[in-house]
Amino acid sequence: MQTMKAVQLLAPRKTVLADLPIPATPADGLLMKTRCVSICSTDISFFEGHLFPSEYPVILGHEYLGEIVDIGPDFDRSGTDVRIGDRIVYWGQTDFGGFAEYRTVRPIFSGQVKEDVFAADRDFYDDRRAAAVKIPEDMSDLEASFIEPVTGALRSVLSNPPRIGDRVLIMGTGPIGVIAGSVIRRLLAPNSVVSVDNNPARNAFAEEQFSQRAYLPDELIETVEDGTFDYVFDALPTVKVDDENKDPRRVAMRKLKAGGRYILYGASQEMQKFDTWLMLAKGITIRSAPFDVTSFPMHKSANVIASAMQMLRSGIVDGKALLSTVHRFDDYDGLVDIFENYRSTTDLKTIVDFRR
């Protein structure tokens, strides 16, 4: 039996480098050898215990780029030309499986309409297939590693775009906030786009990329009038503050105009502060791009992932600027250290490199 190395999460903050069987190629899918996986804040939320799998152990990692090494006998080639050696990026509801030397995927490519729906364990319907895109030869592995997070942000922005002339606030200037802000500023004709984050280094980067003014939280509270913004994009992780009046989500609702729209991207299974009085008093609409495939089918995400790749290729999103660190997969101790210190770093994206 052939085996592979994989990083398993055994419990919150407890990982192990395991030897596991290489998975069998699905009859209608692909077996891929991992090339690069970028670390996502979702991975960190599972590591820290803010999100929970249905059972342990689990292999983290989903911002994935792999090389096809085997194709199942029933694989549907209609509308796509994929061969052994091609590189594939996928977007799926699964948060798992990336930090391993091999993984499988049952892809849906743009233009195909397929589904294999099941009831997932976190109160939504998922698809066993994943939206996928073939990477062109002129796109590097490292740049292709950003297609998955761009897809996630783009699903949210395209589902709930600001109106022409809106005043926009981006909450959180990590990678997703930067991606969403870049798309909104360059494509969707806002009046203005500003941002807020408690990390000065990230604020400076946001101003280079998209933000016309990047505020620290207290600056936003003190210098921006309530009722200023039409649209808020919330890319924050789990938030805990001592002063509830300074909770960033409550602050953002105060800064929204009556009838404003609040777009939720970040997720946590820990309860977060939302001010129901402000929702009612101002008539705030809270929206998201659902994971549930009965509302947002995977074949629609397949169209989004194709567009996400073009956003990177055209420079609408500057993927190269988002890259902070490339870390070798075979340095397991260093990888665990990155997990442990992710929230305190000024880095944006760390890519785990499996190539040898």
Protein backbone atom coordinates (compact mmCIF):
# COMPACT_ATOMS: atom_id res chain seq x y z
CA MET A 1 0.00 0.00 0.00
CA GLN A 2 1.40 3.38 -1.03
CA THR A 3 1.32 6.08 1.61
CA MET A 4 1.58 9.85 1.81
CA LYS A 5 2.42 12.45 4.43
CA ALA A 6 -0.46 14.55 5.76
CA VAL A 7 -0.93 17.05 8.58
CA GLN A 8 -3.86 15.91 10.71
CA LEU A 9 -5.68 17.98 13.30
CA LEU A 10 -6.46 15.68 16.23
CA ALA A 11 -8.13 18.32 18.41
CA PRO A 12 -7.92 22.12 18.69
CA ARG A 13 -4.22 23.12 18.64
CA LYS A 14 -3.08 19.50 18.40
CA THR A 15 -1.63 18.27 15.11
CA VAL A 16 0.42 15.32 13.91
CA LEU A 17 2.35 14.52 10.74
CA ALA A 18 0.77 11.21 9.73
CA ASP A 19 1.43 8.49 7.17
CA LEU A 20 -1.86 7.76 5.40
CA PRO A 21 -2.88 5.71 2.35
CA ILE A 22 -2.89 7.59 -0.95
CA PRO A 23 -6.60 7.95 -1.80
CA ALA A 24 -8.08 5.95 -4.67
CA THR A 25 -9.00 7.88 -7.80
CA PRO A 26 -12.80 8.41 -8.00
CA ALA A 27 -14.34 6.71 -11.02
CA ASP A 28 -15.59 10.11 -12.29
CA GLY A 29 -12.84 12.24 -10.76
CA LEU A 30 -9.16 13.03 -10.50
CA LEU A 31 -6.23 12.10 -8.29
CA MET A 32 -3.91 15.04 -7.80
CA LYS A 33 -0.43 15.41 -6.44
CA THR A 34 -0.29 18.51 -4.29
CA ARG A 35 1.85 21.41 -5.49
CA CYS A 36 0.86 24.37 -3.27
CA VAL A 37 -1.71 25.08 -0.57
CA SER A 38 -2.15 28.55 0.90
CA ILE A 39 -3.16 28.94 4.53
CA CYS A 40 -6.64 30.37 5.08
CA SER A 41 -8.10 31.95 8.20
CA THR A 42 -10.67 29.11 8.09
CA ASP A 43 -7.82 26.65 8.65
CA ILE A 44 -6.74 28.72 11.63
CA SER A 45 -10.30 28.87 13.00
CA PHE A 46 -10.41 25.06 12.98
CA PHE A 47 -6.94 24.92 14.52
CA GLU A 48 -7.92 27.36 17.28
CA GLY A 49 -11.28 25.72 17.93
CA HIS A 50 -13.60 28.47 16.64
CA LEU A 51 -14.88 26.05 13.99
CA PHE A 52 -15.36 22.32 14.50
CA PRO A 53 -15.33 19.32 12.16
CA SER A 54 -17.95 16.63 12.64
CA GLU A 55 -15.19 14.35 13.90
CA TYR A 56 -11.44 14.26 14.42
CA PRO A 57 -8.89 13.70 13.00
CA VAL A 58 -9.17 15.93 9.95
CA ILE A 59 -6.68 17.16 7.36
CA LEU A 60 -6.83 20.95 7.09
CA GLY A 61 -6.17 22.97 3.95
CA HIS A 62 -8.44 23.88 1.03
CA GLU A 63 -6.79 26.71 -0.94
CA TYR A 64 -5.34 24.05 -3.17
CA LEU A 65 -3.32 23.65 -6.36
CA GLY A 66 -2.57 20.14 -7.59
CA GLU A 67 -1.23 18.30 -10.61
CA ILE A 68 -3.35 15.54 -12.15
CA VAL A 69 -1.65 12.14 -11.82
CA ASP A 70 -4.62 9.88 -12.55
CA ILE A 71 -8.04 10.23 -14.22
CA GLY A 72 -10.98 7.99 -13.39
CA PRO A 73 -12.46 5.82 -16.15
CA ASP A 74 -15.88 7.55 -15.98
CA PHE A 75 -14.52 11.11 -15.96
CA ASP A 76 -16.71 13.45 -18.05
CA ARG A 77 -14.53 15.26 -20.60
CA SER A 78 -17.38 17.24 -22.15
CA GLY A 79 -16.60 20.93 -22.31
CA THR A 80 -13.08 20.55 -20.91
CA ASP A 81 -9.74 19.15 -21.98
CA VAL A 82 -7.79 17.95 -18.97
CA ARG A 83 -4.91 15.51 -19.12
CA ILE A 84 -2.31 13.93 -16.87
CA GLY A 85 0.11 16.68 -15.82
CA ASP A 86 -2.42 19.53 -15.97
CA ARG A 87 -2.77 21.73 -12.91
CA ILE A 88 -6.15 22.20 -11.23
CA VAL A 89 -7.52 24.58 -8.59
CA TYR A 90 -10.88 23.82 -7.00
CA TRP A 91 -13.40 25.62 -4.79
CA GLY A 92 -15.70 23.53 -2.63
CA GLN A 93 -17.53 23.71 0.66
CA THR A 94 -15.10 21.22 2.13
CA ASP A 95 -12.56 22.84 4.42
CA PHE A 96 -10.41 19.76 4.51
CA GLY A 97 -7.88 17.56 2.73
CA GLY A 98 -5.29 19.97 1.38
CA PHE A 99 -2.27 19.54 3.65
CA ALA A 100 -1.49 16.13 2.23
CA GLU A 101 0.76 15.00 -0.58
CA TYR A 102 -2.21 13.72 -2.62
CA ARG A 103 -5.93 14.35 -2.75
CA THR A 104 -8.90 13.59 -5.00
CA VAL A 105 -11.54 15.87 -6.48
CA ARG A 106 -14.69 15.35 -8.54
CA PRO A 107 -14.64 18.57 -10.54
CA ILE A 108 -17.28 20.73 -12.20
CA PHE A 109 -15.84 23.09 -14.81
CA SER A 110 -17.45 26.30 -16.09
CA GLY A 111 -20.23 25.43 -18.50
CA GLN A 112 -21.00 22.04 -16.96
CA VAL A 113 -24.14 21.53 -14.90
CA LYS A 114 -23.90 18.64 -12.43
CA GLU A 115 -24.76 17.97 -8.82
CA ASP A 116 -24.28 15.39 -6.11
CA VAL A 117 -26.03 16.98 -3.15
CA PHE A 118 -26.00 15.76 0.43
CA ALA A 119 -26.95 17.12 3.87
CA ALA A 120 -23.72 18.33 5.48
CA ASP A 121 -23.07 18.33 9.22
CA ARG A 122 -23.14 22.11 9.69
CA ASP A 123 -26.75 22.85 8.79
CA PHE A 124 -26.53 23.23 5.03
CA TYR A 125 -26.64 21.16 1.85
CA ASP A 126 -23.29 20.54 0.21
CA ASP A 127 -22.10 18.99 -3.05
CA ARG A 128 -19.61 16.14 -3.28
CA ARG A 129 -18.33 17.79 -6.44
CA ALA A 130 -16.24 20.96 -6.46
CA ALA A 131 -15.98 23.90 -8.84
CA ALA A 132 -12.67 23.69 -10.68
CA VAL A 133 -10.52 25.45 -13.25
CA LYS A 134 -7.56 24.32 -15.33
CA ILE A 135 -4.48 26.52 -14.91
CA PRO A 136 -2.90 27.90 -18.11
CA GLU A 137 0.79 27.31 -18.71
CA ASP A 138 1.67 31.01 -18.39
CA MET A 139 0.36 31.23 -14.80
CA SER A 140 2.80 30.32 -12.04
CA ASP A 141 2.00 27.91 -9.22
CA LEU A 142 2.27 30.64 -6.62
CA GLU A 143 -0.08 33.02 -8.41
CA ALA A 144 -2.54 30.18 -9.13
CA SER A 145 -2.66 29.50 -5.38
CA PHE A 146 -4.71 32.69 -4.98
CA ILE A 147 -7.55 31.57 -7.26
CA GLU A 148 -9.45 29.82 -4.46
CA PRO A 149 -9.59 32.81 -2.06
CA VAL A 150 -10.45 35.16 -4.93
CA THR A 151 -13.30 32.78 -5.78
CA GLY A 152 -14.64 32.95 -2.23
CA ALA A 153 -14.57 36.74 -2.12
CA LEU A 154 -15.97 37.05 -5.64
CA ARG A 155 -18.93 34.76 -4.87
CA SER A 156 -19.85 37.12 -2.06
CA VAL A 157 -19.34 40.40 -3.93
CA LEU A 158 -21.10 39.28 -7.12
CA SER A 159 -24.05 37.89 -5.13
CA ASN A 160 -24.41 41.10 -3.12
CA PRO A 161 -22.71 43.96 -4.99
CA PRO A 162 -22.72 47.57 -3.88
CA ARG A 163 -24.85 49.93 -5.91
CA ILE A 164 -23.24 52.44 -8.23
CA GLY A 165 -22.11 55.41 -6.13
CA ASP A 166 -22.22 53.61 -2.78
CA ARG A 167 -19.90 54.58 0.03
CA VAL A 168 -18.23 51.31 0.98
CA LEU A 169 -16.53 50.14 4.21
CA ILE A 170 -14.35 47.01 4.12
CA MET A 171 -13.94 45.47 7.59
CA GLY A 172 -10.67 43.60 7.89
CA THR A 173 -7.74 44.07 5.51
CA GLY A 174 -6.48 40.53 5.43
CA PRO A 175 -6.41 38.81 2.05
CA ILE A 176 -10.19 38.49 1.63
CA GLY A 177 -10.79 42.13 2.52
CA VAL A 178 -8.09 43.23 0.08
CA ILE A 179 -9.52 41.03 -2.69
CA ALA A 180 -13.09 42.24 -2.12
CA GLY A 181 -11.99 45.88 -1.88
CA SER A 182 -9.94 45.60 -5.07
CA VAL A 183 -12.84 44.15 -7.05
CA ILE A 184 -15.31 46.72 -5.74
CA ARG A 185 -13.00 49.71 -6.26
CA ARG A 186 -11.87 48.72 -9.78
CA LEU A 187 -15.06 47.25 -11.25
CA LEU A 188 -18.23 48.31 -9.46
CA ALA A 189 -18.18 52.15 -9.58
CA PRO A 190 -18.46 53.06 -5.89
CA ASN A 191 -18.32 56.64 -4.64
CA SER A 192 -15.58 55.63 -2.22
CA VAL A 193 -13.99 52.58 -0.60
CA VAL A 194 -12.38 52.79 2.83
CA SER A 195 -11.36 50.10 5.30
CA VAL A 196 -10.73 49.36 8.97
CA ASP A 197 -8.28 47.00 10.64
CA ASN A 198 -6.35 46.97 13.92
CA ASN A 199 -3.09 46.06 12.13
CA PRO A 200 -1.21 49.18 10.91
CA ALA A 201 0.91 47.19 8.45
CA ARG A 202 -2.18 45.72 6.81
CA ASN A 203 -3.78 49.17 6.73
CA ALA A 204 -0.78 50.54 4.85
CA PHE A 205 -0.99 47.68 2.37
CA ALA A 206 -4.73 48.24 1.92
CA GLU A 207 -4.08 51.86 0.99
CA GLU A 208 -1.59 50.71 -1.64
CA GLN A 209 -4.09 48.26 -3.11
CA PHE A 210 -7.58 49.74 -2.93
CA SER A 211 -8.48 51.72 0.18
CA GLN A 212 -8.82 55.49 -0.03
CA ARG A 213 -8.41 55.62 3.74
CA ALA A 214 -7.52 52.77 6.10
CA TYR A 215 -8.67 53.42 9.66
CA LEU A 216 -7.65 51.93 12.95
CA PRO A 217 -10.78 50.98 14.93
CA ASP A 218 -10.66 53.96 17.30
CA GLU A 219 -10.05 56.32 14.36
CA LEU A 220 -13.18 55.02 12.64
CA ILE A 221 -15.22 55.48 15.81
CA GLU A 222 -13.94 58.99 16.53
CA THR A 223 -13.62 60.58 13.08
CA VAL A 224 -16.34 59.04 10.89
CA GLU A 225 -19.91 60.15 11.47
CA ASP A 226 -22.61 57.59 12.13
CA GLY A 227 -24.77 56.98 9.06
CA THR A 228 -21.90 57.48 6.59
CA PHE A 229 -21.78 54.23 4.62
CA ASP A 230 -24.21 52.54 2.27
CA TYR A 231 -22.48 49.16 2.20
CA VAL A 232 -20.28 47.17 4.60
CA PHE A 233 -18.27 44.07 3.64
CA ASP A 234 -17.38 42.12 6.79
CA ALA A 235 -14.23 40.02 6.30
CA LEU A 236 -13.42 39.79 10.01
CA PRO A 237 -12.63 36.55 11.87
CA THR A 238 -13.99 35.69 15.33
CA VAL A 239 -13.91 38.90 17.38
CA LYS A 240 -13.76 39.33 21.15
CA VAL A 241 -13.62 42.78 22.77
CA ASP A 242 -13.99 43.98 26.36
CA ASP A 243 -16.05 47.07 25.48
CA GLU A 244 -19.20 45.99 23.62
CA ASN A 245 -19.70 49.51 22.27
CA LYS A 246 -16.41 49.07 20.42
CA ASP A 247 -17.27 45.69 18.96
CA PRO A 248 -16.40 46.29 15.29
CA ARG A 249 -19.65 44.80 13.98
CA ARG A 250 -21.76 47.05 16.20
CA VAL A 251 -19.58 50.01 15.21
CA ALA A 252 -20.07 49.23 11.51
CA MET A 253 -23.85 49.10 11.98
CA ARG A 254 -23.77 52.53 13.59
CA LYS A 255 -21.77 53.85 10.66
CA LEU A 256 -24.28 52.46 8.13
CA LYS A 257 -27.05 54.65 6.76
CA ALA A 258 -30.68 53.71 7.30
CA GLY A 259 -31.46 51.04 4.76
CA GLY A 260 -27.78 50.15 4.45
CA ARG A 261 -26.53 46.70 3.50
CA TYR A 262 -24.19 44.58 5.60
CA ILE A 263 -22.47 41.73 3.72
CA LEU A 264 -21.17 38.96 5.95
CA TYR A 265 -18.21 36.93 4.70
CA GLY A 266 -16.30 35.66 7.73
CA ALA A 267 -17.81 32.80 9.72
CA SER A 268 -17.51 31.40 13.22
CA GLN A 269 -19.40 28.79 15.18
CA GLU A 270 -18.89 31.01 18.23
CA MET A 271 -21.63 33.60 18.71
CA GLN A 272 -20.69 37.08 17.50
CA LYS A 273 -22.17 40.49 18.40
CA PHE A 274 -24.89 41.78 16.10
CA ASP A 275 -26.97 44.73 17.32
CA THR A 276 -30.61 43.81 16.74
CA TRP A 277 -31.76 47.30 17.76
CA LEU A 278 -29.66 48.89 15.03
CA MET A 279 -30.86 46.31 12.51
CA LEU A 280 -34.46 47.20 13.35
CA ALA A 281 -34.03 50.94 13.86
CA LYS A 282 -32.09 51.43 10.61
CA GLY A 283 -33.63 48.67 8.56
CA ILE A 284 -30.21 47.16 7.91
CA THR A 285 -30.16 44.27 5.45
CA ILE A 286 -27.70 41.48 6.29
CA ARG A 287 -26.76 39.27 3.35
CA SER A 288 -24.23 36.59 2.46
CA ALA A 289 -23.35 34.27 -0.40
CA PRO A 290 -24.71 30.95 0.90
CA PHE A 291 -22.68 27.79 1.03
CA ASP A 292 -25.91 25.83 0.68
CA VAL A 293 -25.93 24.42 -2.85
CA THR A 294 -29.72 24.39 -3.04
CA SER A 295 -29.41 28.20 -3.10
CA PHE A 296 -26.00 28.63 -4.78
CA PRO A 297 -25.35 25.50 -6.89
CA MET A 298 -21.79 24.32 -7.36
CA HIS A 299 -22.04 24.73 -11.13
CA LYS A 300 -22.53 28.47 -10.55
CA SER A 301 -19.38 28.54 -8.42
CA ALA A 302 -17.64 26.86 -11.39
CA ASN A 303 -18.40 29.99 -13.40
CA VAL A 304 -17.13 32.18 -10.57
CA ILE A 305 -13.80 30.31 -10.27
CA ALA A 306 -13.16 30.83 -13.98
CA SER A 307 -13.77 34.57 -13.51
CA ALA A 308 -11.57 34.61 -10.40
CA MET A 309 -8.64 33.31 -12.45
CA GLN A 310 -9.18 36.12 -14.95
CA MET A 311 -9.24 38.69 -12.13
CA LEU A 312 -5.73 37.58 -11.22
CA ARG A 313 -4.47 37.37 -14.78
CA SER A 314 -5.77 40.86 -15.60
CA GLY A 315 -4.38 42.48 -12.44
CA ILE A 316 -7.76 43.47 -11.01
CA VAL A 317 -6.55 41.50 -8.00
CA ASP A 318 -2.80 41.68 -7.39
CA GLY A 319 -2.06 38.13 -6.26
CA LYS A 320 1.70 38.58 -6.26
CA ALA A 321 1.40 41.43 -3.77
CA LEU A 322 -0.63 39.24 -1.41
CA LEU A 323 2.18 36.70 -1.04
CA SER A 324 4.19 37.07 2.15
CA THR A 325 5.84 33.70 2.77
CA VAL A 326 6.52 30.41 0.99
CA HIS A 327 6.99 27.59 3.50
CA ARG A 328 8.19 24.07 2.67
CA PHE A 329 5.76 21.29 3.57
CA ASP A 330 8.60 19.10 4.83
CA ASP A 331 9.27 21.64 7.62
CA TYR A 332 6.45 20.39 9.83
CA ASP A 333 7.55 22.17 13.01
CA GLY A 334 7.70 25.47 11.15
CA LEU A 335 4.22 24.89 9.77
CA VAL A 336 2.80 24.32 13.25
CA ASP A 337 4.51 27.52 14.39
CA ILE A 338 2.75 29.40 11.58
CA PHE A 339 -0.60 28.02 12.77
CA GLU A 340 0.16 29.03 16.34
CA ASN A 341 1.15 32.61 15.49
CA TYR A 342 -1.11 33.35 12.53
CA ARG A 343 -3.29 35.91 14.31
CA SER A 344 -0.36 38.01 15.51
CA THR A 345 1.61 38.22 12.27
CA THR A 346 1.59 41.11 9.81
CA ASP A 347 1.86 38.60 6.94
CA LEU A 348 -0.91 38.28 4.37
CA LYS A 349 -0.69 34.94 2.58
CA THR A 350 1.58 32.02 3.42
CA ILE A 351 1.80 29.33 0.75
CA VAL A 352 2.85 25.83 1.79
CA ASP A 353 5.06 24.46 -0.99
CA PHE A 354 4.93 20.71 -1.66
CA ARG A 355 7.14 20.84 -4.75
CA ARG A 356 10.57 19.22 -4.68
